[in-house]
Protein backbone atom coordinates (compact mmCIF):
# COMPACT_ATOMS: atom_id res chain seq x y z
CA MET A 1 4.79 -41.77 -10.03
CA GLY A 2 7.58 -39.65 -11.44
CA ASN A 3 11.25 -40.63 -11.27
CA ASP A 4 11.68 -37.87 -8.69
CA GLY A 5 9.06 -39.32 -6.32
CA SER A 6 6.25 -36.97 -7.31
CA THR A 7 2.82 -38.46 -8.01
CA TRP A 8 0.43 -37.52 -10.79
CA ASP A 9 -3.23 -38.06 -11.55
CA VAL A 10 -3.33 -38.57 -15.29
CA LYS A 11 -6.35 -38.59 -17.56
CA SER A 12 -6.90 -38.49 -21.28
CA ASP A 13 -9.67 -38.33 -23.84
CA SER A 14 -7.30 -39.41 -26.64
CA VAL A 15 -4.90 -41.97 -25.11
CA VAL A 16 -5.96 -45.33 -23.64
CA LEU A 17 -4.03 -45.14 -20.39
CA ALA A 18 -5.38 -48.46 -19.08
CA ASP A 19 -3.18 -50.23 -21.65
CA HIS A 20 -0.11 -48.93 -19.77
CA VAL A 21 -0.93 -49.83 -16.16
CA GLY A 22 2.23 -51.31 -14.64
CA HIS A 23 4.46 -49.96 -17.44
CA THR A 24 7.14 -47.29 -17.33
CA ILE A 25 6.07 -44.55 -19.74
CA THR A 26 6.90 -41.06 -20.84
CA ALA A 27 3.75 -38.95 -20.91
CA THR A 28 3.29 -35.64 -22.68
CA GLY A 29 0.42 -33.33 -21.88
CA THR A 30 -0.86 -30.28 -20.09
CA VAL A 31 -0.33 -29.74 -16.37
CA SER A 32 -3.35 -28.43 -14.49
CA ASN A 33 -2.74 -25.24 -12.49
CA VAL A 34 0.54 -24.72 -14.34
CA THR A 35 1.25 -21.39 -12.62
CA MET A 36 1.19 -23.00 -9.17
CA HIS A 37 3.18 -25.99 -10.41
CA ASN A 38 5.89 -23.73 -11.86
CA ALA A 39 6.05 -21.71 -8.64
CA LYS A 40 6.62 -24.90 -6.62
CA GLU A 41 9.34 -26.04 -9.05
CA LYS A 42 11.09 -22.66 -8.79
CA ALA A 43 10.95 -22.81 -4.98
CA LYS A 44 12.50 -26.30 -5.02
CA ASP A 45 15.31 -25.12 -7.32
CA GLU A 46 16.03 -22.13 -5.09
CA ALA A 47 16.04 -24.34 -1.98
CA ALA A 48 18.46 -26.77 -3.63
CA ALA A 49 20.76 -23.88 -4.62
CA ALA A 50 20.80 -22.80 -0.97
CA GLY A 51 21.69 -26.33 0.16
CA ILE A 52 18.26 -27.17 1.55
CA THR A 53 17.08 -30.71 0.91
CA LYS A 54 13.46 -30.98 -0.20
CA THR A 55 11.58 -34.15 -1.05
CA ASN A 56 9.55 -34.34 -4.23
CA ASP A 57 6.48 -35.86 -2.60
CA GLU A 58 4.18 -33.36 -4.27
CA HIS A 59 1.13 -34.22 -6.34
CA GLY A 60 -0.01 -32.93 -9.72
CA ASP A 61 -2.70 -33.39 -12.37
CA MET A 62 -2.02 -33.87 -16.08
CA GLN A 63 -4.20 -34.14 -19.18
CA VAL A 64 -2.18 -36.61 -21.28
CA SER A 65 -1.97 -36.08 -25.04
CA SER A 66 0.57 -38.80 -25.90
CA VAL A 67 2.38 -41.73 -24.30
CA THR A 68 5.60 -43.51 -25.20
CA MET A 69 6.23 -46.84 -23.50
CA VAL A 70 9.72 -47.11 -22.00
CA SER A 71 9.39 -50.53 -20.36
CA LYS A 72 6.73 -53.17 -19.71
CA SER A 73 7.55 -53.00 -15.99
CA CYS A 74 7.87 -50.36 -13.26
CA LYS A 75 10.60 -49.90 -10.69
């Protein structure tokens, strides 16, 4: 789950993600369907600029290439 409430399915062929279950991490990688993801982000920015409140309960997919552990616990 992202800090903004979004959720992500993450997978990796190079990083052992199971070692970080329950941790707060920063993940770097490639977002699947990046064109659609960017369009949704732009729409949220435009809505916010117009004073419209939008939740970030969207879902995305990411192929993780690296992970940095921030904390051994999650919020």
